[in-house]
Amino acid sequence: MMRLASILYSLISTTLAGSFIVVSLVAGFTTLQPILVAAVAGFLLALPVSWAVAYRLYGNA
């Protein structure tokens, strides 16, 4: 299940980080710090999300 979670993390983290960056830019935060915070938040939030998705896909739910 760990391998599936790591593969899912590579997809989910880039999607969430990109979405958070777009949201921060639309909200008017155009300096470096808010964009980096949004990217890091997306990468960190992707850890439990990818683990939960892998858990559900693997059939342990």
PDB file of N, CA and C in Angstrom:
ATOM      1  N   MET A   1       0.818  -1.184   0.000  1.00  0.00           N
ATOM      2  CA  MET A   1       0.000   0.000   0.000  1.00  0.00           C
ATOM      3  C   MET A   1       0.869   1.258   0.000  1.00  0.00           C
ATOM      4  N   MET A   2       2.069   1.166   0.547  1.00  0.00           N
ATOM      5  CA  MET A   2       2.960   2.324   0.606  1.00  0.00           C
ATOM      6  C   MET A   2       3.375   2.772  -0.800  1.00  0.00           C
ATOM      7  N   ARG A   3       3.587   1.808  -1.690  1.00  0.00           N
ATOM      8  CA  ARG A   3       3.972   2.149  -3.061  1.00  0.00           C
ATOM      9  C   ARG A   3       2.837   2.880  -3.767  1.00  0.00           C
ATOM     10  N   LEU A   4       1.607   2.407  -3.580  1.00  0.00           N
ATOM     11  CA  LEU A   4       0.447   3.070  -4.174  1.00  0.00           C
ATOM     12  C   LEU A   4       0.292   4.475  -3.620  1.00  0.00           C
ATOM     13  N   ALA A   5       0.496   4.641  -2.319  1.00  0.00           N
ATOM     14  CA  ALA A   5       0.378   5.960  -1.700  1.00  0.00           C
ATOM     15  C   ALA A   5       1.441   6.909  -2.239  1.00  0.00           C
ATOM     16  N   SER A   6       2.638   6.422  -2.480  1.00  0.00           N
ATOM     17  CA  SER A   6       3.684   7.303  -2.998  1.00  0.00           C
ATOM     18  C   SER A   6       3.408   7.700  -4.449  1.00  0.00           C
ATOM     19  N   ILE A   7       2.867   6.799  -5.226  1.00  0.00           N
ATOM     20  CA  ILE A   7       2.495   7.149  -6.601  1.00  0.00           C
ATOM     21  C   ILE A   7       1.357   8.164  -6.593  1.00  0.00           C
ATOM     22  N   LEU A   8       0.380   7.929  -5.745  1.00  0.00           N
ATOM     23  CA  LEU A   8      -0.722   8.877  -5.640  1.00  0.00           C
ATOM     24  C   LEU A   8      -0.257  10.229  -5.116  1.00  0.00           C
ATOM     25  N   TYR A   9       0.707  10.226  -4.205  1.00  0.00           N
ATOM     26  CA  TYR A   9       1.228  11.479  -3.664  1.00  0.00           C
ATOM     27  C   TYR A   9       1.836  12.346  -4.762  1.00  0.00           C
ATOM     28  N   SER A  10       2.536  11.716  -5.690  1.00  0.00           N
ATOM     29  CA  SER A  10       3.160  12.494  -6.763  1.00  0.00           C
ATOM     30  C   SER A  10       2.109  13.186  -7.629  1.00  0.00           C
ATOM     31  N   LEU A  11       0.959  12.596  -7.761  1.00  0.00           N
ATOM     32  CA  LEU A  11      -0.113  13.210  -8.542  1.00  0.00           C
ATOM     33  C   LEU A  11      -0.928  14.198  -7.717  1.00  0.00           C
ATOM     34  N   ILE A  12      -1.287  13.812  -6.512  1.00  0.00           N
ATOM     35  CA  ILE A  12      -2.154  14.636  -5.674  1.00  0.00           C
ATOM     36  C   ILE A  12      -1.422  15.881  -5.190  1.00  0.00           C
ATOM     37  N   SER A  13      -0.143  15.755  -4.849  1.00  0.00           N
ATOM     38  CA  SER A  13       0.580  16.909  -4.314  1.00  0.00           C
ATOM     39  C   SER A  13       0.740  18.013  -5.356  1.00  0.00           C
ATOM     40  N   THR A  14       1.050  17.643  -6.580  1.00  0.00           N
ATOM     41  CA  THR A  14       1.193  18.672  -7.603  1.00  0.00           C
ATOM     42  C   THR A  14      -0.146  19.318  -7.932  1.00  0.00           C
ATOM     43  N   THR A  15      -1.205  18.535  -7.890  1.00  0.00           N
ATOM     44  CA  THR A  15      -2.533  19.091  -8.148  1.00  0.00           C
ATOM     45  C   THR A  15      -2.949  20.054  -7.047  1.00  0.00           C
ATOM     46  N   LEU A  16      -2.785  19.656  -5.795  1.00  0.00           N
ATOM     47  CA  LEU A  16      -3.173  20.530  -4.691  1.00  0.00           C
ATOM     48  C   LEU A  16      -2.288  21.766  -4.620  1.00  0.00           C
ATOM     49  N   ALA A  17      -1.000  21.602  -4.788  1.00  0.00           N
ATOM     50  CA  ALA A  17      -0.104  22.762  -4.739  1.00  0.00           C
ATOM     51  C   ALA A  17      -0.427  23.739  -5.865  1.00  0.00           C
ATOM     52  N   GLY A  18      -0.656  23.241  -7.044  1.00  0.00           N
ATOM     53  CA  GLY A  18      -1.014  24.107  -8.160  1.00  0.00           C
ATOM     54  C   GLY A  18      -2.338  24.812  -7.943  1.00  0.00           C
ATOM     55  N   SER A  19      -3.301  24.096  -7.390  1.00  0.00           N
ATOM     56  CA  SER A  19      -4.602  24.706  -7.106  1.00  0.00           C
ATOM     57  C   SER A  19      -4.484  25.782  -6.044  1.00  0.00           C
ATOM     58  N   PHE A  20      -3.711  25.521  -5.002  1.00  0.00           N
ATOM     59  CA  PHE A  20      -3.528  26.518  -3.948  1.00  0.00           C
ATOM     60  C   PHE A  20      -2.781  27.749  -4.473  1.00  0.00           C
ATOM     61  N   ILE A  21      -1.834  27.545  -5.358  1.00  0.00           N
ATOM     62  CA  ILE A  21      -1.120  28.680  -5.945  1.00  0.00           C
ATOM     63  C   ILE A  21      -2.064  29.527  -6.787  1.00  0.00           C
ATOM     64  N   VAL A  22      -2.904  28.883  -7.572  1.00  0.00           N
ATOM     65  CA  VAL A  22      -3.870  29.625  -8.380  1.00  0.00           C
ATOM     66  C   VAL A  22      -4.826  30.406  -7.491  1.00  0.00           C
ATOM     67  N   VAL A  23      -5.285  29.788  -6.407  1.00  0.00           N
ATOM     68  CA  VAL A  23      -6.181  30.482  -5.484  1.00  0.00           C
ATOM     69  C   VAL A  23      -5.495  31.690  -4.861  1.00  0.00           C
ATOM     70  N   SER A  24      -4.235  31.536  -4.479  1.00  0.00           N
ATOM     71  CA  SER A  24      -3.532  32.676  -3.878  1.00  0.00           C
ATOM     72  C   SER A  24      -3.319  33.792  -4.894  1.00  0.00           C
ATOM     73  N   LEU A  25      -3.048  33.449  -6.138  1.00  0.00           N
ATOM     74  CA  LEU A  25      -2.880  34.479  -7.161  1.00  0.00           C
ATOM     75  C   LEU A  25      -4.196  35.177  -7.471  1.00  0.00           C
ATOM     76  N   VAL A  26      -5.282  34.434  -7.530  1.00  0.00           N
ATOM     77  CA  VAL A  26      -6.593  35.037  -7.781  1.00  0.00           C
ATOM     78  C   VAL A  26      -7.000  35.936  -6.617  1.00  0.00           C
ATOM     79  N   ALA A  27      -6.601  35.561  -5.403  1.00  0.00           N
ATOM     80  CA  ALA A  27      -6.926  36.365  -4.228  1.00  0.00           C
ATOM     81  C   ALA A  27      -6.087  37.639  -4.160  1.00  0.00           C
ATOM     82  N   GLY A  28      -5.106  37.780  -5.034  1.00  0.00           N
ATOM     83  CA  GLY A  28      -4.321  39.005  -5.089  1.00  0.00           C
ATOM     84  C   GLY A  28      -2.979  38.934  -4.402  1.00  0.00           C
ATOM     85  N   PHE A  29      -2.601  37.781  -3.909  1.00  0.00           N
ATOM     86  CA  PHE A  29      -1.293  37.620  -3.265  1.00  0.00           C
ATOM     87  C   PHE A  29      -0.272  37.263  -4.338  1.00  0.00           C
ATOM     88  N   THR A  30       0.475  38.258  -4.787  1.00  0.00           N
ATOM     89  CA  THR A  30       1.373  38.044  -5.923  1.00  0.00           C
ATOM     90  C   THR A  30       2.844  38.095  -5.555  1.00  0.00           C
ATOM     91  N   THR A  31       3.153  38.152  -4.268  1.00  0.00           N
ATOM     92  CA  THR A  31       4.559  38.129  -3.873  1.00  0.00           C
ATOM     93  C   THR A  31       5.013  36.692  -3.651  1.00  0.00           C
ATOM     94  N   LEU A  32       6.293  36.528  -3.411  1.00  0.00           N
ATOM     95  CA  LEU A  32       6.868  35.183  -3.320  1.00  0.00           C
ATOM     96  C   LEU A  32       6.389  34.407  -2.094  1.00  0.00           C
ATOM     97  N   GLN A  33       6.317  35.054  -0.946  1.00  0.00           N
ATOM     98  CA  GLN A  33       6.003  34.340   0.287  1.00  0.00           C
ATOM     99  C   GLN A  33       4.624  33.671   0.271  1.00  0.00           C
ATOM    100  N   PRO A  34       3.533  34.357  -0.111  1.00  0.00           N
ATOM    101  CA  PRO A  34       2.237  33.658  -0.136  1.00  0.00           C
ATOM    102  C   PRO A  34       2.180  32.526  -1.157  1.00  0.00           C
ATOM    103  N   ILE A  35       2.897  32.668  -2.254  1.00  0.00           N
ATOM    104  CA  ILE A  35       2.909  31.605  -3.260  1.00  0.00           C
ATOM    105  C   ILE A  35       3.648  30.384  -2.721  1.00  0.00           C
ATOM    106  N   LEU A  36       4.767  30.606  -2.034  1.00  0.00           N
ATOM    107  CA  LEU A  36       5.490  29.479  -1.435  1.00  0.00           C
ATOM    108  C   LEU A  36       4.697  28.827  -0.311  1.00  0.00           C
ATOM    109  N   VAL A  37       4.003  29.624   0.488  1.00  0.00           N
ATOM    110  CA  VAL A  37       3.164  29.063   1.552  1.00  0.00           C
ATOM    111  C   VAL A  37       2.054  28.209   0.953  1.00  0.00           C
ATOM    112  N   ALA A  38       1.453  28.671  -0.124  1.00  0.00           N
ATOM    113  CA  ALA A  38       0.398  27.900  -0.785  1.00  0.00           C
ATOM    114  C   ALA A  38       0.940  26.586  -1.338  1.00  0.00           C
ATOM    115  N   ALA A  39       2.129  26.635  -1.929  1.00  0.00           N
ATOM    116  CA  ALA A  39       2.731  25.420  -2.483  1.00  0.00           C
ATOM    117  C   ALA A  39       3.072  24.418  -1.386  1.00  0.00           C
ATOM    118  N   VAL A  40       3.662  24.893  -0.303  1.00  0.00           N
ATOM    119  CA  VAL A  40       4.016  24.000   0.811  1.00  0.00           C
ATOM    120  C   VAL A  40       2.767  23.427   1.458  1.00  0.00           C
ATOM    121  N   ALA A  41       1.729  24.251   1.594  1.00  0.00           N
ATOM    122  CA  ALA A  41       0.464  23.761   2.161  1.00  0.00           C
ATOM    123  C   ALA A  41      -0.130  22.664   1.286  1.00  0.00           C
ATOM    124  N   GLY A  42      -0.045  22.814  -0.016  1.00  0.00           N
ATOM    125  CA  GLY A  42      -0.543  21.785  -0.922  1.00  0.00           C
ATOM    126  C   GLY A  42       0.236  20.497  -0.807  1.00  0.00           C
ATOM    127  N   PHE A  43       1.561  20.608  -0.696  1.00  0.00           N
ATOM    128  CA  PHE A  43       2.382  19.407  -0.560  1.00  0.00           C
ATOM    129  C   PHE A  43       2.147  18.707   0.779  1.00  0.00           C
ATOM    130  N   LEU A  44       1.966  19.471   1.830  1.00  0.00           N
ATOM    131  CA  LEU A  44       1.735  18.864   3.147  1.00  0.00           C
ATOM    132  C   LEU A  44       0.336  18.259   3.259  1.00  0.00           C
ATOM    133  N   LEU A  45      -0.653  18.935   2.697  1.00  0.00           N
ATOM    134  CA  LEU A  45      -2.013  18.404   2.747  1.00  0.00           C
ATOM    135  C   LEU A  45      -2.150  17.133   1.908  1.00  0.00           C
ATOM    136  N   ALA A  46      -1.301  16.998   0.921  1.00  0.00           N
ATOM    137  CA  ALA A  46      -1.367  15.826   0.047  1.00  0.00           C
ATOM    138  C   ALA A  46      -0.930  14.544   0.752  1.00  0.00           C
ATOM    139  N   LEU A  47      -0.152  14.645   1.817  1.00  0.00           N
ATOM    140  CA  LEU A  47       0.290  13.436   2.531  1.00  0.00           C
ATOM    141  C   LEU A  47      -0.886  12.640   3.094  1.00  0.00           C
ATOM    142  N   PRO A  48      -1.738  13.219   3.950  1.00  0.00           N
ATOM    143  CA  PRO A  48      -2.858  12.423   4.455  1.00  0.00           C
ATOM    144  C   PRO A  48      -3.902  12.099   3.386  1.00  0.00           C
ATOM    145  N   VAL A  49      -4.033  12.985   2.407  1.00  0.00           N
ATOM    146  CA  VAL A  49      -5.013  12.728   1.346  1.00  0.00           C
ATOM    147  C   VAL A  49      -4.586  11.524   0.516  1.00  0.00           C
ATOM    148  N   SER A  50      -3.331  11.463   0.138  1.00  0.00           N
ATOM    149  CA  SER A  50      -2.871  10.327  -0.661  1.00  0.00           C
ATOM    150  C   SER A  50      -2.899   9.035   0.144  1.00  0.00           C
ATOM    151  N   TRP A  51      -2.600   9.122   1.422  1.00  0.00           N
ATOM    152  CA  TRP A  51      -2.681   7.935   2.271  1.00  0.00           C
ATOM    153  C   TRP A  51      -4.128   7.435   2.364  1.00  0.00           C
ATOM    154  N   ALA A  52      -5.082   8.354   2.519  1.00  0.00           N
ATOM    155  CA  ALA A  52      -6.494   7.972   2.616  1.00  0.00           C
ATOM    156  C   ALA A  52      -7.005   7.396   1.295  1.00  0.00           C
ATOM    157  N   VAL A  53      -6.604   7.979   0.196  1.00  0.00           N
ATOM    158  CA  VAL A  53      -7.039   7.466  -1.108  1.00  0.00           C
ATOM    159  C   VAL A  53      -6.444   6.084  -1.355  1.00  0.00           C
ATOM    160  N   ALA A  54      -5.180   5.900  -1.025  1.00  0.00           N
ATOM    161  CA  ALA A  54      -4.561   4.584  -1.197  1.00  0.00           C
ATOM    162  C   ALA A  54      -5.216   3.551  -0.301  1.00  0.00           C
ATOM    163  N   TYR A  55      -5.552   3.953   0.909  1.00  0.00           N
ATOM    164  CA  TYR A  55      -6.217   3.048   1.844  1.00  0.00           C
ATOM    165  C   TYR A  55      -7.564   2.592   1.278  1.00  0.00           C
ATOM    166  N   ARG A  56      -8.312   3.541   0.720  1.00  0.00           N
ATOM    167  CA  ARG A  56      -9.629   3.209   0.165  1.00  0.00           C
ATOM    168  C   ARG A  56      -9.493   2.385  -1.117  1.00  0.00           C
ATOM    169  N   LEU A  57      -8.514   2.685  -1.962  1.00  0.00           N
ATOM    170  CA  LEU A  57      -8.333   1.948  -3.199  1.00  0.00           C
ATOM    171  C   LEU A  57      -7.793   0.537  -2.959  1.00  0.00           C
ATOM    172  N   TYR A  58      -6.988   0.383  -1.952  1.00  0.00           N
ATOM    173  CA  TYR A  58      -6.377  -0.907  -1.678  1.00  0.00           C
ATOM    174  C   TYR A  58      -7.380  -1.911  -1.132  1.00  0.00           C
ATOM    175  N   GLY A  59      -8.508  -1.424  -0.670  1.00  0.00           N
ATOM    176  CA  GLY A  59      -9.566  -2.318  -0.231  1.00  0.00           C
ATOM    177  C   GLY A  59      -9.596  -2.581   1.258  1.00  0.00           C
ATOM    178  N   ASN A  60      -8.930  -1.736   2.057  1.00  0.00           N
ATOM    179  CA  ASN A  60      -8.923  -1.933   3.491  1.00  0.00           C
ATOM    180  C   ASN A  60      -9.985  -1.136   4.205  1.00  0.00           C
ATOM    181  N   ALA A  61     -10.833  -0.465   3.475  1.00  0.00           N
ATOM    182  CA  ALA A  61     -11.849   0.388   4.127  1.00  0.00           C
ATOM    183  C   ALA A  61     -13.105  -0.383   4.433  1.00  0.00           C
TER     184      ALA A  61
END
